Amino acid sequence: MKCPHCEKDIPGSPCPQCDATNPDDAKYCMECGSFLGRDEEDVTEDDNGLNFEDRVLCPDGNCTGIIENGRCTECGRTPEEAKKGDKD
């Protein structure tokens, strides 16, 4: 895997769910969000009670948010709006 900015090689390995290459120290897949099991603890919730196993990623391929209460936490769109690429 190469850095998109400097083209330097970054050690990586494939995700067991989608086969996308991720940095070796990543805890979650950058493509599908699956837990990569590279942590010594089996962390399923953060300090805010967010459950990592049941989260739904924003369907907009450029957004890093998750769907909570019907809207994305980053872009604010509904999943339907995000799929179409509509902006509010």
PDB file of N, CA and C in Angstrom:
ATOM      1  N   MET A   1       0.856  -1.161   0.000  1.00  0.00           N
ATOM      2  CA  MET A   1       0.000   0.000   0.000  1.00  0.00           C
ATOM      3  C   MET A   1       0.904   1.226   0.000  1.00  0.00           C
ATOM      4  N   LYS A   2       0.519   2.249  -0.772  1.00  0.00           N
ATOM      5  CA  LYS A   2       1.315   3.459  -0.887  1.00  0.00           C
ATOM      6  C   LYS A   2       0.555   4.655  -0.311  1.00  0.00           C
ATOM      7  N   CYS A   3       1.298   5.571   0.277  1.00  0.00           N
ATOM      8  CA  CYS A   3       0.725   6.818   0.770  1.00  0.00           C
ATOM      9  C   CYS A   3       0.203   7.600  -0.433  1.00  0.00           C
ATOM     10  N   PRO A   4      -1.042   8.099  -0.373  1.00  0.00           N
ATOM     11  CA  PRO A   4      -1.585   8.831  -1.517  1.00  0.00           C
ATOM     12  C   PRO A   4      -0.920  10.188  -1.741  1.00  0.00           C
ATOM     13  N   HIS A   5      -0.180  10.662  -0.761  1.00  0.00           N
ATOM     14  CA  HIS A   5       0.439  11.985  -0.871  1.00  0.00           C
ATOM     15  C   HIS A   5       1.902  11.923  -1.287  1.00  0.00           C
ATOM     16  N   CYS A   6       2.675  11.048  -0.636  1.00  0.00           N
ATOM     17  CA  CYS A   6       4.112  11.021  -0.906  1.00  0.00           C
ATOM     18  C   CYS A   6       4.573   9.770  -1.652  1.00  0.00           C
ATOM     19  N   GLU A   7       3.644   8.826  -1.895  1.00  0.00           N
ATOM     20  CA  GLU A   7       3.949   7.575  -2.608  1.00  0.00           C
ATOM     21  C   GLU A   7       4.887   6.640  -1.840  1.00  0.00           C
ATOM     22  N   LYS A   8       5.132   6.915  -0.565  1.00  0.00           N
ATOM     23  CA  LYS A   8       5.971   6.051   0.263  1.00  0.00           C
ATOM     24  C   LYS A   8       5.208   4.764   0.584  1.00  0.00           C
ATOM     25  N   ASP A   9       5.924   3.634   0.611  1.00  0.00           N
ATOM     26  CA  ASP A   9       5.288   2.357   0.949  1.00  0.00           C
ATOM     27  C   ASP A   9       4.873   2.333   2.411  1.00  0.00           C
ATOM     28  N   ILE A  10       3.646   1.873   2.657  1.00  0.00           N
ATOM     29  CA  ILE A  10       3.116   1.705   4.007  1.00  0.00           C
ATOM     30  C   ILE A  10       2.825   0.220   4.173  1.00  0.00           C
ATOM     31  N   PRO A  11       3.412  -0.417   5.194  1.00  0.00           N
ATOM     32  CA  PRO A  11       3.117  -1.844   5.399  1.00  0.00           C
ATOM     33  C   PRO A  11       1.622  -2.043   5.618  1.00  0.00           C
ATOM     34  N   GLY A  12       1.049  -3.018   4.933  1.00  0.00           N
ATOM     35  CA  GLY A  12      -0.380  -3.252   5.056  1.00  0.00           C
ATOM     36  C   GLY A  12      -0.741  -4.711   4.904  1.00  0.00           C
ATOM     37  N   SER A  13      -1.985  -5.009   5.243  1.00  0.00           N
ATOM     38  CA  SER A  13      -2.498  -6.367   5.111  1.00  0.00           C
ATOM     39  C   SER A  13      -3.985  -6.291   4.747  1.00  0.00           C
ATOM     40  N   PRO A  14      -4.527  -7.368   4.155  1.00  0.00           N
ATOM     41  CA  PRO A  14      -5.918  -7.331   3.679  1.00  0.00           C
ATOM     42  C   PRO A  14      -6.945  -7.483   4.801  1.00  0.00           C
ATOM     43  N   CYS A  15      -8.091  -6.864   4.595  1.00  0.00           N
ATOM     44  CA  CYS A  15      -9.229  -7.007   5.497  1.00  0.00           C
ATOM     45  C   CYS A  15      -9.831  -8.394   5.293  1.00  0.00           C
ATOM     46  N   PRO A  16     -10.172  -9.105   6.362  1.00  0.00           N
ATOM     47  CA  PRO A  16     -10.766 -10.435   6.205  1.00  0.00           C
ATOM     48  C   PRO A  16     -12.186 -10.397   5.628  1.00  0.00           C
ATOM     49  N   GLN A  17     -12.845  -9.238   5.680  1.00  0.00           N
ATOM     50  CA  GLN A  17     -14.214  -9.132   5.161  1.00  0.00           C
ATOM     51  C   GLN A  17     -14.262  -8.737   3.693  1.00  0.00           C
ATOM     52  N   CYS A  18     -13.499  -7.688   3.305  1.00  0.00           N
ATOM     53  CA  CYS A  18     -13.625  -7.161   1.943  1.00  0.00           C
ATOM     54  C   CYS A  18     -12.334  -7.245   1.137  1.00  0.00           C
ATOM     55  N   ASP A  19     -11.248  -7.666   1.744  1.00  0.00           N
ATOM     56  CA  ASP A  19      -9.944  -7.850   1.102  1.00  0.00           C
ATOM     57  C   ASP A  19      -9.234  -6.544   0.748  1.00  0.00           C
ATOM     58  N   ALA A  20      -9.745  -5.389   1.202  1.00  0.00           N
ATOM     59  CA  ALA A  20      -9.064  -4.114   0.973  1.00  0.00           C
ATOM     60  C   ALA A  20      -7.797  -4.056   1.826  1.00  0.00           C
ATOM     61  N   THR A  21      -6.747  -3.455   1.305  1.00  0.00           N
ATOM     62  CA  THR A  21      -5.496  -3.333   2.050  1.00  0.00           C
ATOM     63  C   THR A  21      -5.594  -2.182   3.039  1.00  0.00           C
ATOM     64  N   ASN A  22      -5.165  -2.450   4.275  1.00  0.00           N
ATOM     65  CA  ASN A  22      -5.175  -1.463   5.355  1.00  0.00           C
ATOM     66  C   ASN A  22      -3.800  -1.408   5.994  1.00  0.00           C
ATOM     67  N   PRO A  23      -3.420  -0.253   6.587  1.00  0.00           N
ATOM     68  CA  PRO A  23      -2.148  -0.187   7.303  1.00  0.00           C
ATOM     69  C   PRO A  23      -2.107  -1.241   8.407  1.00  0.00           C
ATOM     70  N   ASP A  24      -0.921  -1.768   8.680  1.00  0.00           N
ATOM     71  CA  ASP A  24      -0.781  -2.834   9.673  1.00  0.00           C
ATOM     72  C   ASP A  24      -1.277  -2.445  11.059  1.00  0.00           C
ATOM     73  N   ASP A  25      -1.222  -1.164  11.407  1.00  0.00           N
ATOM     74  CA  ASP A  25      -1.652  -0.758  12.747  1.00  0.00           C
ATOM     75  C   ASP A  25      -3.124  -0.326  12.813  1.00  0.00           C
ATOM     76  N   ALA A  26      -3.862  -0.453  11.702  1.00  0.00           N
ATOM     77  CA  ALA A  26      -5.282  -0.070  11.681  1.00  0.00           C
ATOM     78  C   ALA A  26      -6.114  -1.043  12.512  1.00  0.00           C
ATOM     79  N   LYS A  27      -7.090  -0.513  13.246  1.00  0.00           N
ATOM     80  CA  LYS A  27      -8.000  -1.352  14.029  1.00  0.00           C
ATOM     81  C   LYS A  27      -9.270  -1.671  13.256  1.00  0.00           C
ATOM     82  N   TYR A  28      -9.625  -0.783  12.296  1.00  0.00           N
ATOM     83  CA  TYR A  28     -10.828  -0.952  11.498  1.00  0.00           C
ATOM     84  C   TYR A  28     -10.483  -0.755  10.030  1.00  0.00           C
ATOM     85  N   CYS A  29     -11.173  -1.471   9.172  1.00  0.00           N
ATOM     86  CA  CYS A  29     -10.945  -1.387   7.731  1.00  0.00           C
ATOM     87  C   CYS A  29     -11.342  -0.006   7.214  1.00  0.00           C
ATOM     88  N   MET A  30     -10.486   0.592   6.393  1.00  0.00           N
ATOM     89  CA  MET A  30     -10.781   1.901   5.816  1.00  0.00           C
ATOM     90  C   MET A  30     -11.841   1.808   4.722  1.00  0.00           C
ATOM     91  N   GLU A  31     -12.087   0.618   4.200  1.00  0.00           N
ATOM     92  CA  GLU A  31     -13.066   0.435   3.120  1.00  0.00           C
ATOM     93  C   GLU A  31     -14.455   0.083   3.650  1.00  0.00           C
ATOM     94  N   CYS A  32     -14.549  -0.969   4.492  1.00  0.00           N
ATOM     95  CA  CYS A  32     -15.867  -1.447   4.939  1.00  0.00           C
ATOM     96  C   CYS A  32     -16.148  -1.196   6.420  1.00  0.00           C
ATOM     97  N   GLY A  33     -15.130  -0.778   7.189  1.00  0.00           N
ATOM     98  CA  GLY A  33     -15.328  -0.470   8.601  1.00  0.00           C
ATOM     99  C   GLY A  33     -15.286  -1.664   9.535  1.00  0.00           C
ATOM    100  N   SER A  34     -14.992  -2.854   9.019  1.00  0.00           N
ATOM    101  CA  SER A  34     -14.951  -4.052   9.864  1.00  0.00           C
ATOM    102  C   SER A  34     -13.790  -3.996  10.851  1.00  0.00           C
ATOM    103  N   PHE A  35     -14.018  -4.546  12.032  1.00  0.00           N
ATOM    104  CA  PHE A  35     -12.965  -4.648  13.038  1.00  0.00           C
ATOM    105  C   PHE A  35     -11.913  -5.625  12.535  1.00  0.00           C
ATOM    106  N   LEU A  36     -10.654  -5.215  12.556  1.00  0.00           N
ATOM    107  CA  LEU A  36      -9.578  -6.042  12.014  1.00  0.00           C
ATOM    108  C   LEU A  36      -8.950  -6.967  13.048  1.00  0.00           C
ATOM    109  N   GLY A  37      -9.366  -6.854  14.302  1.00  0.00           N
ATOM    110  CA  GLY A  37      -8.884  -7.771  15.327  1.00  0.00           C
ATOM    111  C   GLY A  37      -7.428  -7.594  15.680  1.00  0.00           C
ATOM    112  N   ARG A  38      -6.890  -6.398  15.483  1.00  0.00           N
ATOM    113  CA  ARG A  38      -5.473  -6.164  15.750  1.00  0.00           C
ATOM    114  C   ARG A  38      -5.238  -5.528  17.100  1.00  0.00           C
ATOM    115  N   ASP A  39      -6.239  -5.506  17.924  1.00  0.00           N
ATOM    116  CA  ASP A  39      -6.133  -4.922  19.246  1.00  0.00           C
ATOM    117  C   ASP A  39      -6.116  -6.048  20.258  1.00  0.00           C
ATOM    118  N   GLU A  40      -5.357  -5.902  21.324  1.00  0.00           N
ATOM    119  CA  GLU A  40      -5.309  -6.981  22.309  1.00  0.00           C
ATOM    120  C   GLU A  40      -6.626  -7.132  23.046  1.00  0.00           C
ATOM    121  N   GLU A  41      -7.359  -6.033  23.216  1.00  0.00           N
ATOM    122  CA  GLU A  41      -8.679  -6.107  23.828  1.00  0.00           C
ATOM    123  C   GLU A  41      -9.714  -6.259  22.731  1.00  0.00           C
ATOM    124  N   ASP A  42     -10.811  -6.903  23.027  1.00  0.00           N
ATOM    125  CA  ASP A  42     -11.908  -6.976  22.065  1.00  0.00           C
ATOM    126  C   ASP A  42     -12.848  -5.818  22.364  1.00  0.00           C
ATOM    127  N   VAL A  43     -12.501  -4.638  21.845  1.00  0.00           N
ATOM    128  CA  VAL A  43     -13.256  -3.422  22.122  1.00  0.00           C
ATOM    129  C   VAL A  43     -14.458  -3.366  21.199  1.00  0.00           C
ATOM    130  N   THR A  44     -15.651  -3.313  21.779  1.00  0.00           N
ATOM    131  CA  THR A  44     -16.859  -3.208  20.962  1.00  0.00           C
ATOM    132  C   THR A  44     -17.605  -1.913  21.223  1.00  0.00           C
ATOM    133  N   GLU A  45     -17.231  -1.158  22.259  1.00  0.00           N
ATOM    134  CA  GLU A  45     -17.866   0.126  22.542  1.00  0.00           C
ATOM    135  C   GLU A  45     -16.805   1.140  22.925  1.00  0.00           C
ATOM    136  N   ASP A  46     -17.031   2.406  22.561  1.00  0.00           N
ATOM    137  CA  ASP A  46     -16.118   3.447  22.997  1.00  0.00           C
ATOM    138  C   ASP A  46     -16.646   4.056  24.296  1.00  0.00           C
ATOM    139  N   ASP A  47     -15.987   5.104  24.788  1.00  0.00           N
ATOM    140  CA  ASP A  47     -16.370   5.719  26.054  1.00  0.00           C
ATOM    141  C   ASP A  47     -17.744   6.382  25.998  1.00  0.00           C
ATOM    142  N   ASN A  48     -18.234   6.674  24.793  1.00  0.00           N
ATOM    143  CA  ASN A  48     -19.543   7.304  24.642  1.00  0.00           C
ATOM    144  C   ASN A  48     -20.660   6.290  24.445  1.00  0.00           C
ATOM    145  N   GLY A  49     -20.345   4.987  24.502  1.00  0.00           N
ATOM    146  CA  GLY A  49     -21.351   3.955  24.335  1.00  0.00           C
ATOM    147  C   GLY A  49     -21.643   3.588  22.897  1.00  0.00           C
ATOM    148  N   LEU A  50     -20.846   4.102  21.945  1.00  0.00           N
ATOM    149  CA  LEU A  50     -21.045   3.777  20.535  1.00  0.00           C
ATOM    150  C   LEU A  50     -20.616   2.337  20.294  1.00  0.00           C
ATOM    151  N   ASN A  51     -21.513   1.520  19.788  1.00  0.00           N
ATOM    152  CA  ASN A  51     -21.236   0.115  19.530  1.00  0.00           C
ATOM    153  C   ASN A  51     -20.611  -0.023  18.144  1.00  0.00           C
ATOM    154  N   PHE A  52     -19.333  -0.416  18.092  1.00  0.00           N
ATOM    155  CA  PHE A  52     -18.613  -0.524  16.832  1.00  0.00           C
ATOM    156  C   PHE A  52     -19.110  -1.662  15.960  1.00  0.00           C
ATOM    157  N   GLU A  53     -19.622  -2.705  16.540  1.00  0.00           N
ATOM    158  CA  GLU A  53     -20.068  -3.859  15.765  1.00  0.00           C
ATOM    159  C   GLU A  53     -21.365  -3.597  15.009  1.00  0.00           C
ATOM    160  N   ASP A  54     -22.239  -2.747  15.542  1.00  0.00           N
ATOM    161  CA  ASP A  54     -23.547  -2.514  14.940  1.00  0.00           C
ATOM    162  C   ASP A  54     -23.653  -1.179  14.205  1.00  0.00           C
ATOM    163  N   ARG A  55     -22.563  -0.455  14.041  1.00  0.00           N
ATOM    164  CA  ARG A  55     -22.650   0.863  13.407  1.00  0.00           C
ATOM    165  C   ARG A  55     -22.937   0.728  11.912  1.00  0.00           C
ATOM    166  N   VAL A  56     -23.570   1.744  11.364  1.00  0.00           N
ATOM    167  CA  VAL A  56     -23.885   1.789   9.941  1.00  0.00           C
ATOM    168  C   VAL A  56     -23.110   2.964   9.354  1.00  0.00           C
ATOM    169  N   LEU A  57     -22.233   2.683   8.397  1.00  0.00           N
ATOM    170  CA  LEU A  57     -21.437   3.723   7.778  1.00  0.00           C
ATOM    171  C   LEU A  57     -22.279   4.539   6.811  1.00  0.00           C
ATOM    172  N   CYS A  58     -21.941   5.821   6.647  1.00  0.00           N
ATOM    173  CA  CYS A  58     -22.614   6.677   5.691  1.00  0.00           C
ATOM    174  C   CYS A  58     -22.408   6.096   4.294  1.00  0.00           C
ATOM    175  N   PRO A  59     -23.480   5.975   3.496  1.00  0.00           N
ATOM    176  CA  PRO A  59     -23.343   5.375   2.168  1.00  0.00           C
ATOM    177  C   PRO A  59     -22.642   6.263   1.144  1.00  0.00           C
ATOM    178  N   ASP A  60     -22.361   7.526   1.487  1.00  0.00           N
ATOM    179  CA  ASP A  60     -21.583   8.394   0.603  1.00  0.00           C
ATOM    180  C   ASP A  60     -20.135   7.932   0.700  1.00  0.00           C
ATOM    181  N   GLY A  61     -19.553   7.489  -0.382  1.00  0.00           N
ATOM    182  CA  GLY A  61     -18.207   6.936  -0.372  1.00  0.00           C
ATOM    183  C   GLY A  61     -17.119   7.884   0.064  1.00  0.00           C
ATOM    184  N   ASN A  62     -17.409   9.185   0.151  1.00  0.00           N
ATOM    185  CA  ASN A  62     -16.402  10.169   0.553  1.00  0.00           C
ATOM    186  C   ASN A  62     -16.546  10.614   1.998  1.00  0.00           C
ATOM    187  N   CYS A  63     -17.579  10.176   2.681  1.00  0.00           N
ATOM    188  CA  CYS A  63     -17.869  10.615   4.043  1.00  0.00           C
ATOM    189  C   CYS A  63     -17.389   9.568   5.046  1.00  0.00           C
ATOM    190  N   THR A  64     -16.896  10.033   6.188  1.00  0.00           N
ATOM    191  CA  THR A  64     -16.408   9.122   7.226  1.00  0.00           C
ATOM    192  C   THR A  64     -17.381   8.967   8.381  1.00  0.00           C
ATOM    193  N   GLY A  65     -18.580   9.528   8.252  1.00  0.00           N
ATOM    194  CA  GLY A  65     -19.558   9.486   9.335  1.00  0.00           C
ATOM    195  C   GLY A  65     -20.287   8.163   9.445  1.00  0.00           C
ATOM    196  N   ILE A  66     -21.086   8.066  10.499  1.00  0.00           N
ATOM    197  CA  ILE A  66     -21.949   6.906  10.716  1.00  0.00           C
ATOM    198  C   ILE A  66     -23.385   7.401  10.858  1.00  0.00           C
ATOM    199  N   ILE A  67     -24.327   6.517  10.584  1.00  0.00           N
ATOM    200  CA  ILE A  67     -25.736   6.882  10.670  1.00  0.00           C
ATOM    201  C   ILE A  67     -26.209   6.705  12.110  1.00  0.00           C
ATOM    202  N   GLU A  68     -26.699   7.808  12.689  1.00  0.00           N
ATOM    203  CA  GLU A  68     -27.286   7.795  14.025  1.00  0.00           C
ATOM    204  C   GLU A  68     -28.582   8.592  13.956  1.00  0.00           C
ATOM    205  N   ASN A  69     -29.645   8.055  14.505  1.00  0.00           N
ATOM    206  CA  ASN A  69     -30.945   8.727  14.514  1.00  0.00           C
ATOM    207  C   ASN A  69     -31.367   9.170  13.115  1.00  0.00           C
ATOM    208  N   GLY A  70     -31.068   8.337  12.111  1.00  0.00           N
ATOM    209  CA  GLY A  70     -31.526   8.588  10.759  1.00  0.00           C
ATOM    210  C   GLY A  70     -30.689   9.540   9.926  1.00  0.00           C
ATOM    211  N   ARG A  71     -29.592  10.091  10.494  1.00  0.00           N
ATOM    212  CA  ARG A  71     -28.737  11.042   9.763  1.00  0.00           C
ATOM    213  C   ARG A  71     -27.268  10.734  10.029  1.00  0.00           C
ATOM    214  N   CYS A  72     -26.434  11.135   9.067  1.00  0.00           N
ATOM    215  CA  CYS A  72     -24.997  10.935   9.193  1.00  0.00           C
ATOM    216  C   CYS A  72     -24.421  11.908  10.222  1.00  0.00           C
ATOM    217  N   THR A  73     -23.519  11.438  11.060  1.00  0.00           N
ATOM    218  CA  THR A  73     -22.910  12.273  12.085  1.00  0.00           C
ATOM    219  C   THR A  73     -21.929  13.284  11.504  1.00  0.00           C
ATOM    220  N   GLU A  74     -21.472  13.106  10.267  1.00  0.00           N
ATOM    221  CA  GLU A  74     -20.517  14.033   9.650  1.00  0.00           C
ATOM    222  C   GLU A  74     -21.184  14.970   8.648  1.00  0.00           C
ATOM    223  N   CYS A  75     -21.880  14.417   7.658  1.00  0.00           N
ATOM    224  CA  CYS A  75     -22.445  15.261   6.592  1.00  0.00           C
ATOM    225  C   CYS A  75     -23.889  15.685   6.872  1.00  0.00           C
ATOM    226  N   GLY A  76     -24.550  15.028   7.822  1.00  0.00           N
ATOM    227  CA  GLY A  76     -25.906  15.404   8.199  1.00  0.00           C
ATOM    228  C   GLY A  76     -27.009  14.908   7.288  1.00  0.00           C
ATOM    229  N   ARG A  77     -26.654  14.165   6.246  1.00  0.00           N
ATOM    230  CA  ARG A  77     -27.655  13.687   5.297  1.00  0.00           C
ATOM    231  C   ARG A  77     -28.251  12.362   5.753  1.00  0.00           C
ATOM    232  N   THR A  78     -29.460  12.081   5.256  1.00  0.00           N
ATOM    233  CA  THR A  78     -30.062  10.774   5.485  1.00  0.00           C
ATOM    234  C   THR A  78     -29.336   9.777   4.585  1.00  0.00           C
ATOM    235  N   PRO A  79     -29.436   8.476   4.842  1.00  0.00           N
ATOM    236  CA  PRO A  79     -28.800   7.500   3.955  1.00  0.00           C
ATOM    237  C   PRO A  79     -29.263   7.630   2.506  1.00  0.00           C
ATOM    238  N   GLU A  80     -30.535   7.934   2.293  1.00  0.00           N
ATOM    239  CA  GLU A  80     -31.063   8.077   0.942  1.00  0.00           C
ATOM    240  C   GLU A  80     -30.429   9.270   0.234  1.00  0.00           C
ATOM    241  N   GLU A  81     -30.305  10.409   0.953  1.00  0.00           N
ATOM    242  CA  GLU A  81     -29.677  11.596   0.380  1.00  0.00           C
ATOM    243  C   GLU A  81     -28.204  11.335   0.072  1.00  0.00           C
ATOM    244  N   ALA A  82     -27.527  10.646   0.976  1.00  0.00           N
ATOM    245  CA  ALA A  82     -26.104  10.364   0.783  1.00  0.00           C
ATOM    246  C   ALA A  82     -25.871   9.462  -0.409  1.00  0.00           C
ATOM    247  N   LYS A  83     -26.770   8.500  -0.624  1.00  0.00           N
ATOM    248  CA  LYS A  83     -26.636   7.605  -1.785  1.00  0.00           C
ATOM    249  C   LYS A  83     -26.761   8.378  -3.092  1.00  0.00           C
ATOM    250  N   LYS A  84     -27.661   9.365  -3.117  1.00  0.00           N
ATOM    251  CA  LYS A  84     -27.879  10.158  -4.328  1.00  0.00           C
ATOM    252  C   LYS A  84     -26.816  11.235  -4.502  1.00  0.00           C
ATOM    253  N   GLY A  85     -26.142  11.607  -3.402  1.00  0.00           N
ATOM    254  CA  GLY A  85     -25.158  12.680  -3.455  1.00  0.00           C
ATOM    255  C   GLY A  85     -25.782  14.043  -3.262  1.00  0.00           C
ATOM    256  N   ASP A  86     -27.040  14.087  -2.750  1.00  0.00           N
ATOM    257  CA  ASP A  86     -27.729  15.361  -2.518  1.00  0.00           C
ATOM    258  C   ASP A  86     -27.112  16.059  -1.320  1.00  0.00           C
ATOM    259  N   LYS A  87     -27.105  17.366  -1.349  1.00  0.00           N
ATOM    260  CA  LYS A  87     -26.655  18.182  -0.224  1.00  0.00           C
ATOM    261  C   LYS A  87     -27.855  18.921   0.347  1.00  0.00           C
ATOM    262  N   ASP A  88     -27.849  19.121   1.675  1.00  0.00           N
ATOM    263  CA  ASP A  88     -28.942  19.891   2.304  1.00  0.00           C
ATOM    264  C   ASP A  88     -28.704  21.362   2.149  1.00  0.00           C
TER     265      ASP A  88
END
